[in-house]
């Protein structure tokens, strides 16, 4: 039982998990932004291509 209490209180490795969660949140935000702006960016590139 003492081993389980010690394991529960051990905080080593939590920093890595927190960084992983932050990275996942940033990835979701970037994907959502690209989904929202993807059409507009495509239109801009098409306009530039057509003007050349």
PDB file of N, CA and C in Angstrom:
ATOM      1  N   UNK A   1       0.821  -1.196   0.000  1.00  0.00           N
ATOM      2  CA  UNK A   1       0.000   0.000   0.000  1.00  0.00           C
ATOM      3  C   UNK A   1       0.867   1.263   0.000  1.00  0.00           C
ATOM      4  N   UNK A   2       1.982   1.206   0.728  1.00  0.00           N
ATOM      5  CA  UNK A   2       2.890   2.346   0.782  1.00  0.00           C
ATOM      6  C   UNK A   2       3.467   2.662  -0.588  1.00  0.00           C
ATOM      7  N   UNK A   3       3.710   1.614  -1.393  1.00  0.00           N
ATOM      8  CA  UNK A   3       4.237   1.812  -2.744  1.00  0.00           C
ATOM      9  C   UNK A   3       3.246   2.582  -3.607  1.00  0.00           C
ATOM     10  N   UNK A   4       1.970   2.267  -3.494  1.00  0.00           N
ATOM     11  CA  UNK A   4       0.946   2.952  -4.287  1.00  0.00           C
ATOM     12  C   UNK A   4       0.829   4.421  -3.888  1.00  0.00           C
ATOM     13  N   UNK A   5       0.933   4.703  -2.585  1.00  0.00           N
ATOM     14  CA  UNK A   5       0.885   6.095  -2.132  1.00  0.00           C
ATOM     15  C   UNK A   5       2.079   6.879  -2.662  1.00  0.00           C
ATOM     16  N   UNK A   6       3.260   6.238  -2.613  1.00  0.00           N
ATOM     17  CA  UNK A   6       4.473   6.896  -3.121  1.00  0.00           C
ATOM     18  C   UNK A   6       4.354   7.131  -4.616  1.00  0.00           C
ATOM     19  N   UNK A   7       3.825   6.164  -5.340  1.00  0.00           N
ATOM     20  CA  UNK A   7       3.660   6.292  -6.783  1.00  0.00           C
ATOM     21  C   UNK A   7       2.659   7.390  -7.124  1.00  0.00           C
ATOM     22  N   UNK A   8       1.604   7.522  -6.333  1.00  0.00           N
ATOM     23  CA  UNK A   8       0.591   8.546  -6.558  1.00  0.00           C
ATOM     24  C   UNK A   8       1.152   9.944  -6.327  1.00  0.00           C
ATOM     25  N   UNK A   9       2.009  10.091  -5.331  1.00  0.00           N
ATOM     26  CA  UNK A   9       2.570  11.391  -4.994  1.00  0.00           C
ATOM     27  C   UNK A   9       3.748  11.771  -5.882  1.00  0.00           C
ATOM     28  N   UNK A  10       4.299  10.823  -6.614  1.00  0.00           N
ATOM     29  CA  UNK A  10       5.463  11.090  -7.462  1.00  0.00           C
ATOM     30  C   UNK A  10       5.052  11.998  -8.613  1.00  0.00           C
ATOM     31  N   UNK A  11       5.730  13.126  -8.747  1.00  0.00           N
ATOM     32  CA  UNK A  11       5.390  14.105  -9.776  1.00  0.00           C
ATOM     33  C   UNK A  11       6.349  14.083 -10.947  1.00  0.00           C
ATOM     34  N   UNK A  12       7.283  13.183 -10.973  1.00  0.00           N
ATOM     35  CA  UNK A  12       8.246  13.105 -12.075  1.00  0.00           C
ATOM     36  C   UNK A  12       7.520  12.692 -13.356  1.00  0.00           C
ATOM     37  N   UNK A  13       7.817  13.371 -14.438  1.00  0.00           N
ATOM     38  CA  UNK A  13       7.198  13.037 -15.715  1.00  0.00           C
ATOM     39  C   UNK A  13       5.964  13.860 -16.032  1.00  0.00           C
ATOM     40  N   UNK A  14       5.452  14.582 -15.071  1.00  0.00           N
ATOM     41  CA  UNK A  14       4.256  15.371 -15.340  1.00  0.00           C
ATOM     42  C   UNK A  14       4.546  16.523 -16.287  1.00  0.00           C
ATOM     43  N   UNK A  15       5.729  17.070 -16.246  1.00  0.00           N
ATOM     44  CA  UNK A  15       6.084  18.178 -17.129  1.00  0.00           C
ATOM     45  C   UNK A  15       5.998  17.772 -18.585  1.00  0.00           C
ATOM     46  N   UNK A  16       6.458  16.560 -18.897  1.00  0.00           N
ATOM     47  CA  UNK A  16       6.409  16.070 -20.266  1.00  0.00           C
ATOM     48  C   UNK A  16       4.964  15.916 -20.739  1.00  0.00           C
ATOM     49  N   UNK A  17       4.101  15.439 -19.874  1.00  0.00           N
ATOM     50  CA  UNK A  17       2.687  15.287 -20.225  1.00  0.00           C
ATOM     51  C   UNK A  17       2.064  16.654 -20.482  1.00  0.00           C
ATOM     52  N   UNK A  18       2.406  17.628 -19.658  1.00  0.00           N
ATOM     53  CA  UNK A  18       1.855  18.974 -19.842  1.00  0.00           C
ATOM     54  C   UNK A  18       2.319  19.573 -21.162  1.00  0.00           C
ATOM     55  N   UNK A  19       3.607  19.381 -21.510  1.00  0.00           N
ATOM     56  CA  UNK A  19       4.095  19.874 -22.789  1.00  0.00           C
ATOM     57  C   UNK A  19       3.388  19.185 -23.953  1.00  0.00           C
ATOM     58  N   UNK A  20       3.116  17.904 -23.807  1.00  0.00           N
ATOM     59  CA  UNK A  20       2.396  17.175 -24.845  1.00  0.00           C
ATOM     60  C   UNK A  20       0.988  17.710 -25.038  1.00  0.00           C
ATOM     61  N   UNK A  21       0.315  18.020 -23.942  1.00  0.00           N
ATOM     62  CA  UNK A  21      -1.042  18.568 -24.030  1.00  0.00           C
ATOM     63  C   UNK A  21      -1.041  19.952 -24.671  1.00  0.00           C
ATOM     64  N   UNK A  22      -0.056  20.772 -24.324  1.00  0.00           N
ATOM     65  CA  UNK A  22       0.047  22.102 -24.925  1.00  0.00           C
ATOM     66  C   UNK A  22       0.306  21.978 -26.415  1.00  0.00           C
ATOM     67  N   UNK A  23       1.200  21.070 -26.802  1.00  0.00           N
ATOM     68  CA  UNK A  23       1.502  20.860 -28.214  1.00  0.00           C
ATOM     69  C   UNK A  23       0.267  20.380 -28.977  1.00  0.00           C
ATOM     70  N   UNK A  24      -0.511  19.492 -28.368  1.00  0.00           N
ATOM     71  CA  UNK A  24      -1.736  19.013 -29.010  1.00  0.00           C
ATOM     72  C   UNK A  24      -2.746  20.146 -29.175  1.00  0.00           C
ATOM     73  N   UNK A  25      -2.861  21.012 -28.191  1.00  0.00           N
ATOM     74  CA  UNK A  25      -3.785  22.145 -28.269  1.00  0.00           C
ATOM     75  C   UNK A  25      -3.360  23.113 -29.374  1.00  0.00           C
ATOM     76  N   UNK A  26      -2.065  23.359 -29.482  1.00  0.00           N
ATOM     77  CA  UNK A  26      -1.569  24.237 -30.547  1.00  0.00           C
ATOM     78  C   UNK A  26      -1.846  23.613 -31.910  1.00  0.00           C
ATOM     79  N   UNK A  27      -1.644  22.309 -32.031  1.00  0.00           N
ATOM     80  CA  UNK A  27      -1.900  21.633 -33.306  1.00  0.00           C
ATOM     81  C   UNK A  27      -3.368  21.743 -33.703  1.00  0.00           C
ATOM     82  N   UNK A  28      -4.263  21.580 -32.752  1.00  0.00           N
ATOM     83  CA  UNK A  28      -5.699  21.701 -33.034  1.00  0.00           C
ATOM     84  C   UNK A  28      -6.031  23.124 -33.475  1.00  0.00           C
ATOM     85  N   UNK A  29      -5.442  24.118 -32.831  1.00  0.00           N
ATOM     86  CA  UNK A  29      -5.697  25.516 -33.194  1.00  0.00           C
ATOM     87  C   UNK A  29      -5.182  25.815 -34.602  1.00  0.00           C
ATOM     88  N   UNK A  30      -4.004  25.299 -34.940  1.00  0.00           N
ATOM     89  CA  UNK A  30      -3.448  25.528 -36.279  1.00  0.00           C
ATOM     90  C   UNK A  30      -4.319  24.856 -37.340  1.00  0.00           C
ATOM     91  N   UNK A  31      -4.752  23.639 -37.087  1.00  0.00           N
ATOM     92  CA  UNK A  31      -5.601  22.936 -38.052  1.00  0.00           C
ATOM     93  C   UNK A  31      -6.924  23.668 -38.240  1.00  0.00           C
ATOM     94  N   UNK A  32      -7.518  24.141 -37.158  1.00  0.00           N
ATOM     95  CA  UNK A  32      -8.782  24.872 -37.258  1.00  0.00           C
ATOM     96  C   UNK A  32      -8.598  26.166 -38.041  1.00  0.00           C
ATOM     97  N   UNK A  33      -7.500  26.869 -37.805  1.00  0.00           N
ATOM     98  CA  UNK A  33      -7.231  28.110 -38.525  1.00  0.00           C
ATOM     99  C   UNK A  33      -7.033  27.852 -40.009  1.00  0.00           C
ATOM    100  N   UNK A  34      -6.299  26.798 -40.330  1.00  0.00           N
ATOM    101  CA  UNK A  34      -6.086  26.467 -41.739  1.00  0.00           C
ATOM    102  C   UNK A  34      -7.393  26.068 -42.428  1.00  0.00           C
ATOM    103  N   UNK A  35      -8.264  25.400 -41.705  1.00  0.00           N
ATOM    104  CA  UNK A  35      -9.563  25.042 -42.272  1.00  0.00           C
ATOM    105  C   UNK A  35     -10.384  26.296 -42.577  1.00  0.00           C
ATOM    106  N   UNK A  36     -10.337  27.270 -41.676  1.00  0.00           N
ATOM    107  CA  UNK A  36     -11.120  28.487 -41.867  1.00  0.00           C
ATOM    108  C   UNK A  36     -10.548  29.375 -42.970  1.00  0.00           C
ATOM    109  N   UNK A  37      -9.225  29.451 -43.061  1.00  0.00           N
ATOM    110  CA  UNK A  37      -8.588  30.363 -44.006  1.00  0.00           C
ATOM    111  C   UNK A  37      -8.123  29.680 -45.294  1.00  0.00           C
ATOM    112  N   UNK A  38      -8.274  28.386 -45.376  1.00  0.00           N
ATOM    113  CA  UNK A  38      -7.762  27.647 -46.522  1.00  0.00           C
ATOM    114  C   UNK A  38      -8.328  28.120 -47.846  1.00  0.00           C
ATOM    115  N   UNK A  39      -9.606  28.370 -47.919  1.00  0.00           N
ATOM    116  CA  UNK A  39     -10.235  28.821 -49.158  1.00  0.00           C
ATOM    117  C   UNK A  39      -9.740  30.187 -49.589  1.00  0.00           C
ATOM    118  N   UNK A  40      -9.582  31.081 -48.636  1.00  0.00           N
ATOM    119  CA  UNK A  40      -9.113  32.432 -48.965  1.00  0.00           C
ATOM    120  C   UNK A  40      -7.684  32.411 -49.479  1.00  0.00           C
ATOM    121  N   UNK A  41      -6.830  31.611 -48.855  1.00  0.00           N
ATOM    122  CA  UNK A  41      -5.439  31.510 -49.290  1.00  0.00           C
ATOM    123  C   UNK A  41      -5.379  30.904 -50.689  1.00  0.00           C
ATOM    124  N   UNK A  42      -6.199  29.921 -50.944  1.00  0.00           N
ATOM    125  CA  UNK A  42      -6.244  29.305 -52.269  1.00  0.00           C
ATOM    126  C   UNK A  42      -6.688  30.327 -53.317  1.00  0.00           C
ATOM    127  N   UNK A  43      -7.658  31.147 -52.998  1.00  0.00           N
ATOM    128  CA  UNK A  43      -8.114  32.185 -53.928  1.00  0.00           C
ATOM    129  C   UNK A  43      -7.003  33.193 -54.234  1.00  0.00           C
ATOM    130  N   UNK A  44      -6.231  33.554 -53.218  1.00  0.00           N
ATOM    131  CA  UNK A  44      -5.143  34.504 -53.420  1.00  0.00           C
ATOM    132  C   UNK A  44      -4.089  33.922 -54.357  1.00  0.00           C
ATOM    133  N   UNK A  45      -3.714  32.666 -54.132  1.00  0.00           N
ATOM    134  CA  UNK A  45      -2.717  32.032 -54.988  1.00  0.00           C
ATOM    135  C   UNK A  45      -3.230  31.866 -56.418  1.00  0.00           C
ATOM    136  N   UNK A  46      -4.513  31.554 -56.565  1.00  0.00           N
ATOM    137  CA  UNK A  46      -5.095  31.433 -57.894  1.00  0.00           C
ATOM    138  C   UNK A  46      -5.089  32.769 -58.609  1.00  0.00           C
ATOM    139  N   UNK A  47      -5.396  33.847 -57.904  1.00  0.00           N
ATOM    140  CA  UNK A  47      -5.385  35.188 -58.495  1.00  0.00           C
ATOM    141  C   UNK A  47      -3.975  35.576 -58.925  1.00  0.00           C
ATOM    142  N   UNK A  48      -2.992  35.271 -58.115  1.00  0.00           N
ATOM    143  CA  UNK A  48      -1.595  35.578 -58.458  1.00  0.00           C
ATOM    144  C   UNK A  48      -1.173  34.762 -59.678  1.00  0.00           C
ATOM    145  N   UNK A  49      -1.544  33.508 -59.705  1.00  0.00           N
ATOM    146  CA  UNK A  49      -1.186  32.635 -60.824  1.00  0.00           C
ATOM    147  C   UNK A  49      -1.828  33.131 -62.119  1.00  0.00           C
ATOM    148  N   UNK A  50      -3.084  33.534 -62.044  1.00  0.00           N
ATOM    149  CA  UNK A  50      -3.793  33.997 -63.232  1.00  0.00           C
ATOM    150  C   UNK A  50      -3.237  35.338 -63.757  1.00  0.00           C
ATOM    151  N   UNK A  51      -2.738  36.169 -62.847  1.00  0.00           N
ATOM    152  CA  UNK A  51      -2.211  37.447 -63.274  1.00  0.00           C
ATOM    153  C   UNK A  51      -0.821  37.317 -63.916  1.00  0.00           C
ATOM    154  N   UNK A  52      -0.165  36.214 -63.734  1.00  0.00           N
ATOM    155  CA  UNK A  52       1.152  36.006 -64.343  1.00  0.00           C
ATOM    156  C   UNK A  52       0.903  35.582 -65.738  1.00  0.00           C
TER     157      UNK A  52
END
